[in-house]
PDB file of N, CA and C in Angstrom:
ATOM      1  N   MET A   1      51.602  88.520  37.516  1.00  0.00           N
ATOM      2  CA  MET A   1      51.432  88.917  36.121  1.00  0.00           C
ATOM      3  C   MET A   1      50.079  88.401  35.655  1.00  0.00           C
ATOM      4  N   LYS A   2      49.375  89.203  34.889  1.00  0.00           N
ATOM      5  CA  LYS A   2      48.061  88.796  34.411  1.00  0.00           C
ATOM      6  C   LYS A   2      48.141  88.376  32.951  1.00  0.00           C
ATOM      7  N   ASP A   3      47.746  87.151  32.659  1.00  0.00           N
ATOM      8  CA  ASP A   3      47.652  86.597  31.313  1.00  0.00           C
ATOM      9  C   ASP A   3      48.927  86.768  30.479  1.00  0.00           C
ATOM     10  N   PRO A   4      50.016  86.099  30.875  1.00  0.00           N
ATOM     11  CA  PRO A   4      51.245  86.161  30.074  1.00  0.00           C
ATOM     12  C   PRO A   4      51.011  85.639  28.656  1.00  0.00           C
ATOM     13  N   LYS A   5      51.750  86.165  27.714  1.00  0.00           N
ATOM     14  CA  LYS A   5      51.632  85.771  26.305  1.00  0.00           C
ATOM     15  C   LYS A   5      52.920  85.101  25.835  1.00  0.00           C
ATOM     16  N   LYS A   6      52.796  84.255  24.813  1.00  0.00           N
ATOM     17  CA  LYS A   6      53.962  83.614  24.203  1.00  0.00           C
ATOM     18  C   LYS A   6      54.957  84.689  23.784  1.00  0.00           C
ATOM     19  N   GLY A   7      56.215  84.483  24.146  1.00  0.00           N
ATOM     20  CA  GLY A   7      57.263  85.429  23.807  1.00  0.00           C
ATOM     21  C   GLY A   7      57.571  86.448  24.887  1.00  0.00           C
ATOM     22  N   ASP A   8      56.704  86.571  25.901  1.00  0.00           N
ATOM     23  CA  ASP A   8      56.969  87.504  26.994  1.00  0.00           C
ATOM     24  C   ASP A   8      58.233  87.094  27.745  1.00  0.00           C
ATOM     25  N   GLU A   9      59.077  88.065  28.049  1.00  0.00           N
ATOM     26  CA  GLU A   9      60.251  87.840  28.896  1.00  0.00           C
ATOM     27  C   GLU A   9      59.780  87.974  30.342  1.00  0.00           C
ATOM     28  N   VAL A  10      60.062  86.963  31.154  1.00  0.00           N
ATOM     29  CA  VAL A  10      59.564  86.935  32.525  1.00  0.00           C
ATOM     30  C   VAL A  10      60.662  86.511  33.506  1.00  0.00           C
ATOM     31  N   THR A  11      60.416  86.793  34.778  1.00  0.00           N
ATOM     32  CA  THR A  11      61.252  86.289  35.863  1.00  0.00           C
ATOM     33  C   THR A  11      60.344  85.565  36.841  1.00  0.00           C
ATOM     34  N   TRP A  12      60.943  84.663  37.622  1.00  0.00           N
ATOM     35  CA  TRP A  12      60.216  83.940  38.662  1.00  0.00           C
ATOM     36  C   TRP A  12      61.205  83.505  39.718  1.00  0.00           C
ATOM     37  N   ARG A  13      60.686  83.199  40.892  1.00  0.00           N
ATOM     38  CA  ARG A  13      61.532  82.740  41.988  1.00  0.00           C
ATOM     39  C   ARG A  13      61.792  81.251  41.831  1.00  0.00           C
ATOM     40  N   SER A  14      63.048  80.874  41.949  1.00  0.00           N
ATOM     41  CA  SER A  14      63.414  79.463  41.894  1.00  0.00           C
ATOM     42  C   SER A  14      64.200  79.120  43.148  1.00  0.00           C
ATOM     43  N   HIS A  15      64.514  77.848  43.318  1.00  0.00           N
ATOM     44  CA  HIS A  15      65.245  77.423  44.507  1.00  0.00           C
ATOM     45  C   HIS A  15      66.624  78.062  44.603  1.00  0.00           C
ATOM     46  N   SER A  16      67.154  78.528  43.486  1.00  0.00           N
ATOM     47  CA  SER A  16      68.484  79.140  43.494  1.00  0.00           C
ATOM     48  C   SER A  16      68.433  80.662  43.370  1.00  0.00           C
ATOM     49  N   GLY A  17      67.272  81.263  43.570  1.00  0.00           N
ATOM     50  CA  GLY A  17      67.147  82.718  43.472  1.00  0.00           C
ATOM     51  C   GLY A  17      66.107  83.109  42.453  1.00  0.00           C
ATOM     52  N   THR A  18      66.429  84.095  41.616  1.00  0.00           N
ATOM     53  CA  THR A  18      65.508  84.560  40.586  1.00  0.00           C
ATOM     54  C   THR A  18      65.946  84.009  39.234  1.00  0.00           C
ATOM     55  N   ALA A  19      64.992  83.434  38.519  1.00  0.00           N
ATOM     56  CA  ALA A  19      65.270  82.888  37.190  1.00  0.00           C
ATOM     57  C   ALA A  19      64.653  83.816  36.138  1.00  0.00           C
ATOM     58  N   HIS A  20      65.209  83.758  34.934  1.00  0.00           N
ATOM     59  CA  HIS A  20      64.749  84.596  33.832  1.00  0.00           C
ATOM     60  C   HIS A  20      64.556  83.712  32.606  1.00  0.00           C
ATOM     61  N   GLY A  21      63.507  84.000  31.844  1.00  0.00           N
ATOM     62  CA  GLY A  21      63.289  83.236  30.626  1.00  0.00           C
ATOM     63  C   GLY A  21      62.137  83.790  29.817  1.00  0.00           C
ATOM     64  N   GLU A  22      61.572  82.919  28.983  1.00  0.00           N
ATOM     65  CA  GLU A  22      60.545  83.328  28.028  1.00  0.00           C
ATOM     66  C   GLU A  22      59.347  82.384  28.109  1.00  0.00           C
ATOM     67  N   VAL A  23      58.144  82.972  28.029  1.00  0.00           N
ATOM     68  CA  VAL A  23      56.919  82.173  27.974  1.00  0.00           C
ATOM     69  C   VAL A  23      56.857  81.487  26.615  1.00  0.00           C
ATOM     70  N   LYS A  24      56.687  80.170  26.619  1.00  0.00           N
ATOM     71  CA  LYS A  24      56.613  79.406  25.372  1.00  0.00           C
ATOM     72  C   LYS A  24      55.178  79.114  24.969  1.00  0.00           C
ATOM     73  N   LYS A  25      54.326  78.776  25.968  1.00  0.00           N
ATOM     74  CA  LYS A  25      52.914  78.574  25.641  1.00  0.00           C
ATOM     75  C   LYS A  25      52.072  78.462  26.895  1.00  0.00           C
ATOM     76  N   LYS A  26      50.773  78.658  26.698  1.00  0.00           N
ATOM     77  CA  LYS A  26      49.785  78.526  27.766  1.00  0.00           C
ATOM     78  C   LYS A  26      49.342  77.068  27.816  1.00  0.00           C
ATOM     79  N   LEU A  27      49.353  76.481  29.007  1.00  0.00           N
ATOM     80  CA  LEU A  27      48.933  75.096  29.185  1.00  0.00           C
ATOM     81  C   LEU A  27      47.524  75.080  29.780  1.00  0.00           C
ATOM     82  N   THR A  28      46.601  74.414  29.084  1.00  0.00           N
ATOM     83  CA  THR A  28      45.213  74.351  29.567  1.00  0.00           C
ATOM     84  C   THR A  28      44.761  72.913  29.794  1.00  0.00           C
ATOM     85  N   GLY A  29      45.699  71.992  29.795  1.00  0.00           N
ATOM     86  CA  GLY A  29      45.400  70.591  30.057  1.00  0.00           C
ATOM     87  C   GLY A  29      46.586  69.950  30.753  1.00  0.00           C
ATOM     88  N   ASP A  30      46.346  68.809  31.368  1.00  0.00           N
ATOM     89  CA  ASP A  30      47.417  68.106  32.064  1.00  0.00           C
ATOM     90  C   ASP A  30      48.513  67.699  31.080  1.00  0.00           C
ATOM     91  N   THR A  31      49.753  67.811  31.519  1.00  0.00           N
ATOM     92  CA  THR A  31      50.904  67.458  30.699  1.00  0.00           C
ATOM     93  C   THR A  31      52.059  67.055  31.603  1.00  0.00           C
ATOM     94  N   LYS A  32      53.100  66.535  31.007  1.00  0.00           N
ATOM     95  CA  LYS A  32      54.308  66.186  31.763  1.00  0.00           C
ATOM     96  C   LYS A  32      55.474  67.003  31.236  1.00  0.00           C
ATOM     97  N   ILE A  33      56.291  67.494  32.152  1.00  0.00           N
ATOM     98  CA  ILE A  33      57.548  68.150  31.820  1.00  0.00           C
ATOM     99  C   ILE A  33      58.614  67.327  32.532  1.00  0.00           C
ATOM    100  N   LYS A  34      59.447  66.668  31.736  1.00  0.00           N
ATOM    101  CA  LYS A  34      60.365  65.651  32.232  1.00  0.00           C
ATOM    102  C   LYS A  34      59.523  64.617  32.961  1.00  0.00           C
ATOM    103  N   SER A  35      59.746  64.388  34.247  1.00  0.00           N
ATOM    104  CA  SER A  35      58.936  63.395  34.960  1.00  0.00           C
ATOM    105  C   SER A  35      57.904  64.062  35.877  1.00  0.00           C
ATOM    106  N   HIS A  36      57.760  65.370  35.772  1.00  0.00           N
ATOM    107  CA  HIS A  36      56.840  66.113  36.642  1.00  0.00           C
ATOM    108  C   HIS A  36      55.468  66.263  35.984  1.00  0.00           C
ATOM    109  N   GLN A  37      54.426  65.836  36.682  1.00  0.00           N
ATOM    110  CA  GLN A  37      53.053  65.965  36.183  1.00  0.00           C
ATOM    111  C   GLN A  37      52.544  67.375  36.461  1.00  0.00           C
ATOM    112  N   VAL A  38      52.085  68.063  35.437  1.00  0.00           N
ATOM    113  CA  VAL A  38      51.547  69.416  35.561  1.00  0.00           C
ATOM    114  C   VAL A  38      50.036  69.345  35.429  1.00  0.00           C
ATOM    115  N   ARG A  39      49.349  69.871  36.415  1.00  0.00           N
ATOM    116  CA  ARG A  39      47.883  69.922  36.395  1.00  0.00           C
ATOM    117  C   ARG A  39      47.452  71.314  35.954  1.00  0.00           C
ATOM    118  N   ALA A  40      46.835  71.398  34.801  1.00  0.00           N
ATOM    119  CA  ALA A  40      46.353  72.676  34.277  1.00  0.00           C
ATOM    120  C   ALA A  40      44.989  72.453  33.640  1.00  0.00           C
ATOM    121  N   SER A  41      44.204  73.513  33.567  1.00  0.00           N
ATOM    122  CA  SER A  41      42.878  73.449  32.942  1.00  0.00           C
ATOM    123  C   SER A  41      42.568  74.822  32.361  1.00  0.00           C
ATOM    124  N   PRO A  42      41.525  74.920  31.525  1.00  0.00           N
ATOM    125  CA  PRO A  42      41.160  76.247  30.992  1.00  0.00           C
ATOM    126  C   PRO A  42      40.837  77.250  32.107  1.00  0.00           C
ATOM    127  N   ASP A  43      40.271  76.766  33.227  1.00  0.00           N
ATOM    128  CA  ASP A  43      39.947  77.654  34.346  1.00  0.00           C
ATOM    129  C   ASP A  43      41.143  77.934  35.244  1.00  0.00           C
ATOM    130  N   ASP A  44      42.163  77.104  35.180  1.00  0.00           N
ATOM    131  CA  ASP A  44      43.358  77.246  36.025  1.00  0.00           C
ATOM    132  C   ASP A  44      44.606  76.926  35.190  1.00  0.00           C
ATOM    133  N   PRO A  45      44.921  77.794  34.209  1.00  0.00           N
ATOM    134  CA  PRO A  45      46.045  77.496  33.308  1.00  0.00           C
ATOM    135  C   PRO A  45      47.397  77.665  33.986  1.00  0.00           C
ATOM    136  N   GLN A  46      48.388  77.044  33.394  1.00  0.00           N
ATOM    137  CA  GLN A  46      49.777  77.287  33.760  1.00  0.00           C
ATOM    138  C   GLN A  46      50.499  77.686  32.476  1.00  0.00           C
ATOM    139  N   TYR A  47      51.730  78.164  32.632  1.00  0.00           N
ATOM    140  CA  TYR A  47      52.479  78.668  31.490  1.00  0.00           C
ATOM    141  C   TYR A  47      53.824  77.958  31.411  1.00  0.00           C
ATOM    142  N   LEU A  48      54.110  77.416  30.241  1.00  0.00           N
ATOM    143  CA  LEU A  48      55.392  76.771  30.000  1.00  0.00           C
ATOM    144  C   LEU A  48      56.425  77.862  29.754  1.00  0.00           C
ATOM    145  N   VAL A  49      57.462  77.884  30.591  1.00  0.00           N
ATOM    146  CA  VAL A  49      58.529  78.859  30.437  1.00  0.00           C
ATOM    147  C   VAL A  49      59.850  78.128  30.219  1.00  0.00           C
ATOM    148  N   GLU A  50      60.692  78.733  29.404  1.00  0.00           N
ATOM    149  CA  GLU A  50      62.023  78.191  29.175  1.00  0.00           C
ATOM    150  C   GLU A  50      63.028  79.195  29.709  1.00  0.00           C
ATOM    151  N   SER A  51      63.858  78.744  30.644  1.00  0.00           N
ATOM    152  CA  SER A  51      64.842  79.631  31.248  1.00  0.00           C
ATOM    153  C   SER A  51      65.987  79.890  30.275  1.00  0.00           C
ATOM    154  N   ASP A  52      66.785  80.871  30.603  1.00  0.00           N
ATOM    155  CA  ASP A  52      67.915  81.245  29.752  1.00  0.00           C
ATOM    156  C   ASP A  52      68.894  80.085  29.561  1.00  0.00           C
ATOM    157  N   ASN A  53      68.954  79.163  30.532  1.00  0.00           N
ATOM    158  CA  ASN A  53      69.877  78.027  30.409  1.00  0.00           C
ATOM    159  C   ASN A  53      69.225  76.818  29.736  1.00  0.00           C
ATOM    160  N   GLY A  54      67.987  76.989  29.235  1.00  0.00           N
ATOM    161  CA  GLY A  54      67.330  75.935  28.477  1.00  0.00           C
ATOM    162  C   GLY A  54      66.391  75.043  29.267  1.00  0.00           C
ATOM    163  N   GLY A  55      66.323  75.217  30.576  1.00  0.00           N
ATOM    164  CA  GLY A  55      65.411  74.424  31.389  1.00  0.00           C
ATOM    165  C   GLY A  55      63.968  74.821  31.149  1.00  0.00           C
ATOM    166  N   LYS A  56      63.065  73.863  31.283  1.00  0.00           N
ATOM    167  CA  LYS A  56      61.639  74.141  31.089  1.00  0.00           C
ATOM    168  C   LYS A  56      60.880  73.844  32.362  1.00  0.00           C
ATOM    169  N   ALA A  57      59.852  74.679  32.630  1.00  0.00           N
ATOM    170  CA  ALA A  57      59.022  74.507  33.815  1.00  0.00           C
ATOM    171  C   ALA A  57      57.658  75.122  33.548  1.00  0.00           C
ATOM    172  N   ALA A  58      56.699  74.750  34.368  1.00  0.00           N
ATOM    173  CA  ALA A  58      55.362  75.334  34.279  1.00  0.00           C
ATOM    174  C   ALA A  58      55.095  76.149  35.537  1.00  0.00           C
ATOM    175  N   HIS A  59      54.504  77.326  35.339  1.00  0.00           N
ATOM    176  CA  HIS A  59      54.190  78.214  36.463  1.00  0.00           C
ATOM    177  C   HIS A  59      52.823  78.834  36.256  1.00  0.00           C
ATOM    178  N   LYS A  60      52.171  79.157  37.362  1.00  0.00           N
ATOM    179  CA  LYS A  60      50.931  79.915  37.289  1.00  0.00           C
ATOM    180  C   LYS A  60      51.288  81.372  36.998  1.00  0.00           C
ATOM    181  N   ALA A  61      50.351  82.109  36.438  1.00  0.00           N
ATOM    182  CA  ALA A  61      50.594  83.507  36.086  1.00  0.00           C
ATOM    183  C   ALA A  61      51.011  84.313  37.310  1.00  0.00           C
ATOM    184  N   SER A  62      50.469  83.989  38.475  1.00  0.00           N
ATOM    185  CA  SER A  62      50.770  84.736  39.693  1.00  0.00           C
ATOM    186  C   SER A  62      52.227  84.608  40.115  1.00  0.00           C
ATOM    187  N   ALA A  63      52.935  83.573  39.632  1.00  0.00           N
ATOM    188  CA  ALA A  63      54.346  83.375  39.997  1.00  0.00           C
ATOM    189  C   ALA A  63      55.287  84.084  39.042  1.00  0.00           C
ATOM    190  N   LEU A  64      54.760  84.637  37.942  1.00  0.00           N
ATOM    191  CA  LEU A  64      55.598  85.253  36.919  1.00  0.00           C
ATOM    192  C   LEU A  64      55.529  86.776  37.012  1.00  0.00           C
ATOM    193  N   LYS A  65      56.669  87.415  36.725  1.00  0.00           N
ATOM    194  CA  LYS A  65      56.736  88.873  36.646  1.00  0.00           C
ATOM    195  C   LYS A  65      57.350  89.251  35.317  1.00  0.00           C
ATOM    196  N   LYS A  66      56.847  90.313  34.709  1.00  0.00           N
ATOM    197  CA  LYS A  66      57.391  90.785  33.435  1.00  0.00           C
ATOM    198  C   LYS A  66      58.811  91.284  33.648  1.00  0.00           C
ATOM    199  N   ALA A  67      59.706  90.855  32.769  1.00  0.00           N
ATOM    200  CA  ALA A  67      61.118  91.251  32.909  1.00  0.00           C
ATOM    201  C   ALA A  67      61.380  92.594  32.281  1.00  0.00           C
TER     202      ALA A  67
END
């Protein structure tokens, strides 16, 4: 997916199959999600997604598909 936007419904591959959720925001700086360190920059952004079950994760645009 190219340049996901806040509110986009997306799917991605997870350890348990395919997950579905919503893009919450574009990450352009290092941050932590739970205890996981996310490395992001303006040149290499990641996207905060919230799954349907409420879990949060960061993914690169290439890992996301429009739902």
